[in-house]
Amino acid sequence: MFGQDIGIDLGTATVIAYVKGKGIVLREPSVVALNNVTNEVLAVGHEARRMLGRTPGNIVAIRPLKEGVISDYTVTEKMLKHYMTKICGRFIFAPRLMICIPSQVTEVEKKAVIDAASNAGARKVFLIEEPIAAAIGAGIDISKPCGNMIVDIGGGTTDIAVISLGGSVISTSLKVAGDKFDEYITKYIKKHYNMAIGERTAEELKMNIGCVYPKIQDMEMDVRGIDLITGLPKTLTIYSSEMMEALEEPASMIVDAVHSVLEKTPPELAADISDKGIYMTGGGSLLDGLDRLLQEKLGINVMIAEDAVSCVAKGTGKALDNLDKIGKSY
């Protein structure tokens, strides 16, 4: 008997794992809480995320992945080991891992992922590009000779690719995604209200009232933060129309990137895309109105895949059945 086959979407914001025959078995934030002095792991995932911005001096909550790639190698390895033990128990047979990576990563960034997974206990590591995994997870048959366009908006990167015959014909990776949206919201509130808010508050604003396309009815939400003039806590009411203003710039960067990929797409494949439409996956694609904004600017039908957040992990897991065609082993 061999170890399990696990597909992992090692995301900047969330780690999602798919086990062959079981489906999605793990969905946890990519956050690790460490003791600064002893370097001991205190919490991983949901528990560690609750500590973000709330830790005493000797404890630090770290997000070891930044913009889709590993920024803290040691912590990533510890996080992977924790999750693999959680999925497999104390394994006798080491599992095989299929991990997805952004489409435009360097060899050094690739090697960091392979080494971290191997040292965490994987028997063999396979890599797959995020847009290809997203397309498989969204249920698109990528083996046919026709063009499919995928826009995968995660936490750290937006990956855009035109796929035909099982591979990327043209792709680009943009460091503008969910985290950048939060950053722009934080900046907006600081600039307009002289108030500082935490990254969790910014994320809640984005998820509850964030939009990039005019809403029929303006929504509102109360937020708490620190008044930068008095240094005291204060509460504000923020409206969705303000969120639209705050998110206009990062949204238009994504629209421009999709437009430039379309411009470089061979005419035959571009014709297929204009027939079939563009598929959006990833948590960032759920930002209210982003699909309508893309549709309006590009004049092509845009669809959000079913269970958009899990598409990459599902595709990564399904790709384990076609290792000869898809994954490169290391």
Protein backbone atom coordinates (compact mmCIF):
# COMPACT_ATOMS: atom_id res chain seq x y z
CA MET A 1 0.00 0.00 0.00
CA PHE A 2 1.28 3.43 -0.93
CA GLY A 3 0.72 6.74 0.84
CA GLN A 4 -2.12 9.04 -0.06
CA ASP A 5 -2.16 11.33 -3.07
CA ILE A 6 -2.86 14.90 -1.99
CA GLY A 7 -3.49 17.97 -4.13
CA ILE A 8 -2.63 21.22 -2.35
CA ASP A 9 -3.59 24.76 -3.28
CA LEU A 10 -0.84 26.51 -1.33
CA GLY A 11 -2.45 29.94 -1.37
CA THR A 12 -1.30 33.26 0.04
CA ALA A 13 -4.50 33.51 2.09
CA THR A 14 -5.73 29.90 2.36
CA VAL A 15 -4.39 26.36 2.11
CA ILE A 16 -6.93 23.96 0.58
CA ALA A 17 -6.19 20.24 0.31
CA TYR A 18 -7.89 17.63 -1.86
CA VAL A 19 -7.42 13.91 -1.26
CA LYS A 20 -8.06 11.42 -4.05
CA GLY A 21 -11.33 9.63 -3.34
CA LYS A 22 -12.32 11.95 -0.47
CA GLY A 23 -12.57 15.42 -2.04
CA ILE A 24 -11.71 18.60 -0.12
CA VAL A 25 -10.46 17.57 3.34
CA LEU A 26 -8.85 20.78 4.59
CA ARG A 27 -9.48 24.51 4.22
CA GLU A 28 -7.42 26.64 6.59
CA PRO A 29 -5.84 30.12 6.53
CA SER A 30 -2.11 30.24 5.61
CA VAL A 31 -1.14 31.68 8.99
CA VAL A 32 1.30 30.32 11.57
CA ALA A 33 1.76 31.64 15.12
CA LEU A 34 5.30 31.25 16.45
CA ASN A 35 7.08 31.89 19.72
CA ASN A 36 9.73 34.47 18.83
CA VAL A 37 12.20 33.23 21.41
CA THR A 38 12.03 29.43 21.02
CA ASN A 39 10.81 29.38 17.39
CA GLU A 40 8.17 26.86 18.46
CA VAL A 41 4.90 26.64 16.49
CA LEU A 42 2.00 27.62 18.78
CA ALA A 43 -0.91 27.53 16.34
CA VAL A 44 -1.63 27.00 12.65
CA GLY A 45 -4.62 27.95 10.49
CA HIS A 46 -7.87 29.30 11.99
CA GLU A 47 -6.45 29.51 15.49
CA ALA A 48 -3.37 31.42 14.30
CA ARG A 49 -5.48 33.74 12.13
CA ARG A 50 -7.45 34.84 15.18
CA MET A 51 -4.13 36.01 16.64
CA LEU A 52 -3.25 38.31 13.70
CA GLY A 53 -2.67 41.82 15.06
CA ARG A 54 -3.45 40.63 18.60
CA THR A 55 -0.22 39.00 19.82
CA PRO A 56 2.08 39.97 22.71
CA GLY A 57 5.75 40.70 22.02
CA ASN A 58 7.08 37.14 22.27
CA ILE A 59 4.46 35.68 19.88
CA VAL A 60 4.24 36.52 16.20
CA ALA A 61 1.53 35.49 13.70
CA ILE A 62 3.11 35.07 10.25
CA ARG A 63 1.70 34.57 6.77
CA PRO A 64 4.60 32.64 5.21
CA LEU A 65 3.43 33.12 1.61
CA LYS A 66 3.40 36.48 -0.09
CA GLU A 67 2.07 37.24 -3.57
CA GLY A 68 1.71 33.55 -4.39
CA VAL A 69 5.25 32.51 -3.48
CA ILE A 70 7.09 31.44 -0.33
CA SER A 71 8.48 34.38 1.62
CA ASP A 72 9.39 32.45 4.78
CA TYR A 73 10.75 29.02 3.88
CA THR A 74 11.11 27.52 7.40
CA VAL A 75 7.61 28.52 8.49
CA THR A 76 6.08 27.21 5.22
CA GLU A 77 7.75 23.85 5.83
CA LYS A 78 6.38 23.70 9.39
CA MET A 79 2.90 24.65 8.16
CA LEU A 80 2.95 21.96 5.43
CA LYS A 81 4.14 19.32 7.91
CA HIS A 82 1.30 20.28 10.31
CA TYR A 83 -1.35 20.03 7.58
CA MET A 84 0.01 16.77 6.13
CA THR A 85 -0.09 15.17 9.60
CA LYS A 86 -3.63 16.49 10.04
CA ILE A 87 -4.73 14.91 6.74
CA CYS A 88 -2.86 11.59 6.90
CA GLY A 89 -2.33 11.08 10.62
CA ARG A 90 1.15 9.79 11.47
CA PHE A 91 1.90 8.41 8.04
CA ILE A 92 3.84 5.18 7.49
CA PHE A 93 3.87 5.70 3.73
CA ALA A 94 4.78 9.23 2.74
CA PRO A 95 2.12 10.91 0.54
CA ARG A 96 2.62 12.18 -2.99
CA LEU A 97 1.86 15.88 -3.29
CA MET A 98 0.64 17.88 -6.28
CA ILE A 99 1.12 21.57 -5.52
CA CYS A 100 -0.01 24.45 -7.69
CA ILE A 101 2.17 27.47 -8.40
CA PRO A 102 1.49 30.82 -10.14
CA SER A 103 2.09 30.70 -13.89
CA GLN A 104 5.07 33.08 -13.87
CA VAL A 105 7.34 31.81 -11.09
CA THR A 106 11.13 31.74 -11.19
CA GLU A 107 13.19 28.55 -10.85
CA VAL A 108 14.27 29.67 -7.35
CA GLU A 109 10.63 30.09 -6.25
CA LYS A 110 9.78 26.66 -7.72
CA LYS A 111 12.69 25.05 -5.88
CA ALA A 112 11.54 26.61 -2.59
CA VAL A 113 8.11 24.93 -2.97
CA ILE A 114 9.66 21.54 -3.88
CA ASP A 115 12.17 21.63 -1.01
CA ALA A 116 9.58 22.75 1.56
CA ALA A 117 7.20 19.93 0.53
CA SER A 118 9.96 17.28 0.45
CA ASN A 119 11.32 18.30 3.85
CA ALA A 120 7.78 18.30 5.25
CA GLY A 121 7.60 14.59 4.40
CA ALA A 122 6.32 14.20 0.83
CA ARG A 123 7.48 11.10 -1.05
CA LYS A 124 7.27 12.84 -4.39
CA VAL A 125 6.32 16.40 -5.35
CA PHE A 126 4.54 17.39 -8.57
CA LEU A 127 3.91 20.95 -9.69
CA ILE A 128 1.05 22.31 -11.77
CA GLU A 129 0.32 25.85 -12.93
CA GLU A 130 -2.58 27.51 -11.13
CA PRO A 131 -4.68 28.43 -14.21
CA ILE A 132 -4.48 24.85 -15.52
CA ALA A 133 -5.52 23.46 -12.12
CA ALA A 134 -8.33 26.04 -11.94
CA ALA A 135 -9.62 25.04 -15.39
CA ILE A 136 -9.63 21.32 -14.48
CA GLY A 137 -11.37 22.10 -11.16
CA ALA A 138 -13.98 24.21 -12.96
CA GLY A 139 -14.86 21.15 -15.06
CA ILE A 140 -13.42 22.41 -18.36
CA ASP A 141 -12.05 19.79 -20.74
CA ILE A 142 -8.64 21.30 -21.44
CA SER A 143 -7.37 18.43 -23.61
CA LYS A 144 -9.26 19.57 -26.73
CA PRO A 145 -7.68 21.86 -29.37
CA CYS A 146 -9.82 24.88 -28.53
CA GLY A 147 -9.19 28.01 -26.49
CA ASN A 148 -10.38 28.47 -22.91
CA MET A 149 -9.58 31.56 -20.90
CA ILE A 150 -9.19 31.36 -17.13
CA VAL A 151 -8.84 34.29 -14.74
CA ASP A 152 -7.89 32.91 -11.32
CA ILE A 153 -7.93 35.60 -8.60
CA GLY A 154 -6.47 34.33 -5.36
CA GLY A 155 -5.12 36.10 -2.30
CA GLY A 156 -1.70 37.08 -3.59
CA THR A 157 -1.81 36.73 -7.38
CA THR A 158 -4.20 36.91 -10.31
CA ASP A 159 -3.29 34.31 -12.92
CA ILE A 160 -4.65 34.77 -16.42
CA ALA A 161 -4.16 32.10 -19.06
CA VAL A 162 -5.42 30.92 -22.41
CA ILE A 163 -5.37 27.12 -22.39
CA SER A 164 -5.53 24.72 -25.32
CA LEU A 165 -4.51 21.05 -25.68
CA GLY A 166 -3.76 20.75 -21.97
CA GLY A 167 -1.23 23.59 -21.76
CA SER A 168 -0.98 27.37 -21.43
CA VAL A 169 -0.69 29.06 -24.81
CA ILE A 170 -0.25 32.48 -23.24
CA SER A 171 -0.33 33.43 -19.60
CA THR A 172 0.51 36.18 -17.17
CA SER A 173 0.62 36.51 -13.41
CA LEU A 174 -0.27 39.75 -11.68
CA LYS A 175 0.58 40.64 -8.07
CA VAL A 176 -2.85 42.23 -7.66
CA ALA A 177 -5.51 40.08 -5.96
CA GLY A 178 -7.47 39.70 -2.71
CA ASP A 179 -4.71 41.04 -0.42
CA LYS A 180 -4.18 44.09 -2.64
CA PHE A 181 -7.93 44.83 -2.47
CA ASP A 182 -7.65 44.86 1.35
CA GLU A 183 -4.60 47.13 1.12
CA TYR A 184 -6.44 49.66 -1.06
CA ILE A 185 -9.39 49.69 1.37
CA THR A 186 -7.02 50.37 4.31
CA LYS A 187 -5.33 53.20 2.37
CA TYR A 188 -8.67 54.73 1.36
CA ILE A 189 -9.96 54.86 4.95
CA LYS A 190 -6.66 56.29 6.18
CA LYS A 191 -6.65 58.99 3.50
CA HIS A 192 -10.33 60.01 3.73
CA TYR A 193 -11.04 59.52 7.43
CA ASN A 194 -7.62 59.67 9.14
CA MET A 195 -8.41 56.30 10.64
CA ALA A 196 -6.26 53.14 10.82
CA ILE A 197 -7.97 49.75 10.50
CA GLY A 198 -6.52 46.22 10.71
CA GLU A 199 -6.23 43.81 7.78
CA ARG A 200 -9.06 41.63 9.12
CA THR A 201 -11.40 44.64 9.24
CA ALA A 202 -10.44 45.57 5.66
CA GLU A 203 -11.20 42.01 4.56
CA GLU A 204 -14.61 42.08 6.27
CA LEU A 205 -15.44 45.36 4.50
CA LYS A 206 -14.44 43.85 1.15
CA MET A 207 -16.52 40.71 1.70
CA ASN A 208 -19.61 42.42 3.10
CA ILE A 209 -19.97 45.64 1.10
CA GLY A 210 -17.03 45.68 -1.34
CA CYS A 211 -17.95 46.16 -5.02
CA VAL A 212 -16.45 47.34 -8.31
CA TYR A 213 -19.69 47.88 -10.20
CA PRO A 214 -22.53 50.23 -9.15
CA LYS A 215 -25.03 48.58 -6.81
CA ILE A 216 -28.77 49.27 -7.10
CA GLN A 217 -28.89 50.07 -3.40
CA ASP A 218 -26.00 51.58 -1.42
CA MET A 219 -25.06 49.25 1.45
CA GLU A 220 -23.39 50.28 4.68
CA MET A 221 -21.25 48.77 7.42
CA ASP A 222 -19.90 50.08 10.73
CA VAL A 223 -16.15 49.69 11.27
CA ARG A 224 -13.93 50.31 14.25
CA GLY A 225 -10.38 51.58 14.13
CA ILE A 226 -7.96 54.07 15.63
CA ASP A 227 -8.36 57.80 14.99
CA LEU A 228 -4.91 58.89 13.77
CA ILE A 229 -5.35 62.42 15.14
CA THR A 230 -6.51 61.65 18.70
CA GLY A 231 -5.05 58.13 18.93
CA LEU A 232 -8.38 56.89 20.34
CA PRO A 233 -10.74 54.15 19.09
CA LYS A 234 -13.51 55.37 16.81
CA THR A 235 -16.43 53.91 14.84
CA LEU A 236 -17.36 54.89 11.28
CA THR A 237 -20.09 54.00 8.83
CA ILE A 238 -18.69 53.08 5.42
CA TYR A 239 -20.82 52.75 2.26
CA SER A 240 -20.46 50.39 -0.70
CA SER A 241 -20.17 53.40 -3.07
CA GLU A 242 -16.97 54.33 -1.19
CA MET A 243 -15.70 50.76 -1.52
CA MET A 244 -16.21 51.04 -5.26
CA GLU A 245 -14.05 54.16 -5.30
CA ALA A 246 -11.39 52.45 -3.14
CA LEU A 247 -11.25 49.33 -5.34
CA GLU A 248 -11.44 51.03 -8.73
CA GLU A 249 -7.66 51.05 -9.30
CA PRO A 250 -6.82 47.37 -8.51
CA ALA A 251 -9.92 46.22 -10.45
CA SER A 252 -8.87 48.17 -13.53
CA MET A 253 -5.36 46.64 -13.30
CA ILE A 254 -6.95 43.18 -13.55
CA VAL A 255 -9.16 44.29 -16.47
CA ASP A 256 -6.09 45.70 -18.30
CA ALA A 257 -4.11 42.48 -17.73
CA VAL A 258 -6.95 40.33 -19.14
CA HIS A 259 -7.21 42.72 -22.09
CA SER A 260 -3.48 42.48 -22.84
CA VAL A 261 -3.57 38.64 -22.73
CA LEU A 262 -6.51 38.69 -25.16
CA GLU A 263 -4.59 40.99 -27.50
CA LYS A 264 -1.70 38.50 -27.67
CA THR A 265 -3.97 35.46 -28.16
CA PRO A 266 -3.85 33.79 -31.61
CA PRO A 267 -6.99 34.68 -33.66
CA GLU A 268 -8.42 31.12 -33.75
CA LEU A 269 -8.25 30.78 -29.97
CA ALA A 270 -9.59 34.31 -29.46
CA ALA A 271 -12.63 33.32 -31.56
CA ASP A 272 -13.20 30.28 -29.28
CA ILE A 273 -13.01 32.50 -26.19
CA SER A 274 -15.47 35.00 -27.63
CA ASP A 275 -17.91 32.08 -28.23
CA LYS A 276 -17.46 30.35 -24.88
CA GLY A 277 -16.71 33.29 -22.61
CA ILE A 278 -14.15 33.77 -19.84
CA TYR A 279 -14.14 31.63 -16.70
CA MET A 280 -13.32 33.21 -13.34
CA THR A 281 -12.10 31.20 -10.35
CA GLY A 282 -10.56 31.90 -6.93
CA GLY A 283 -11.90 33.76 -3.90
CA GLY A 284 -11.13 37.17 -5.43
CA SER A 285 -13.53 36.49 -8.32
CA LEU A 286 -16.40 36.70 -5.81
CA LEU A 287 -15.82 40.44 -5.33
CA ASP A 288 -19.21 41.93 -6.15
CA GLY A 289 -19.47 43.17 -9.74
CA LEU A 290 -16.00 42.12 -10.95
CA ASP A 291 -17.51 39.71 -13.50
CA ARG A 292 -19.86 42.44 -14.79
CA LEU A 293 -17.03 44.96 -14.99
CA LEU A 294 -14.92 42.56 -17.09
CA GLN A 295 -17.90 41.73 -19.30
CA GLU A 296 -18.65 45.40 -19.91
CA LYS A 297 -15.04 46.37 -20.67
CA LEU A 298 -14.20 43.38 -22.89
CA GLY A 299 -17.54 42.67 -24.53
CA ILE A 300 -17.17 38.93 -23.79
CA ASN A 301 -19.42 36.81 -21.58
CA VAL A 302 -17.83 36.22 -18.13
CA MET A 303 -18.81 33.32 -15.86
CA ILE A 304 -17.81 32.62 -12.26
CA ALA A 305 -17.08 28.90 -11.83
CA GLU A 306 -19.13 26.87 -9.39
CA ASP A 307 -17.40 26.70 -5.97
CA ALA A 308 -14.83 29.19 -7.30
CA VAL A 309 -12.72 29.13 -4.12
CA SER A 310 -12.03 25.38 -4.33
CA CYS A 311 -11.48 25.09 -8.10
CA VAL A 312 -7.68 25.19 -7.94
CA ALA A 313 -7.48 22.60 -5.13
CA LYS A 314 -9.97 20.29 -6.90
CA GLY A 315 -8.08 20.60 -10.18
CA THR A 316 -4.79 19.96 -8.41
CA GLY A 317 -6.23 16.79 -6.89
CA LYS A 318 -7.81 15.60 -10.16
CA ALA A 319 -4.52 16.20 -11.97
CA LEU A 320 -3.04 13.38 -9.85
CA ASP A 321 -4.99 10.97 -12.10
CA ASN A 322 -3.19 12.29 -15.18
CA LEU A 323 0.35 12.65 -13.94
CA ASP A 324 1.84 11.47 -17.22
CA LYS A 325 0.16 14.37 -19.07
CA ILE A 326 0.11 17.20 -16.57
CA GLY A 327 2.37 17.37 -13.52
CA LYS A 328 6.14 17.61 -13.61
CA SER A 329 7.67 15.47 -10.87
CA TYR A 330 10.60 16.51 -8.68
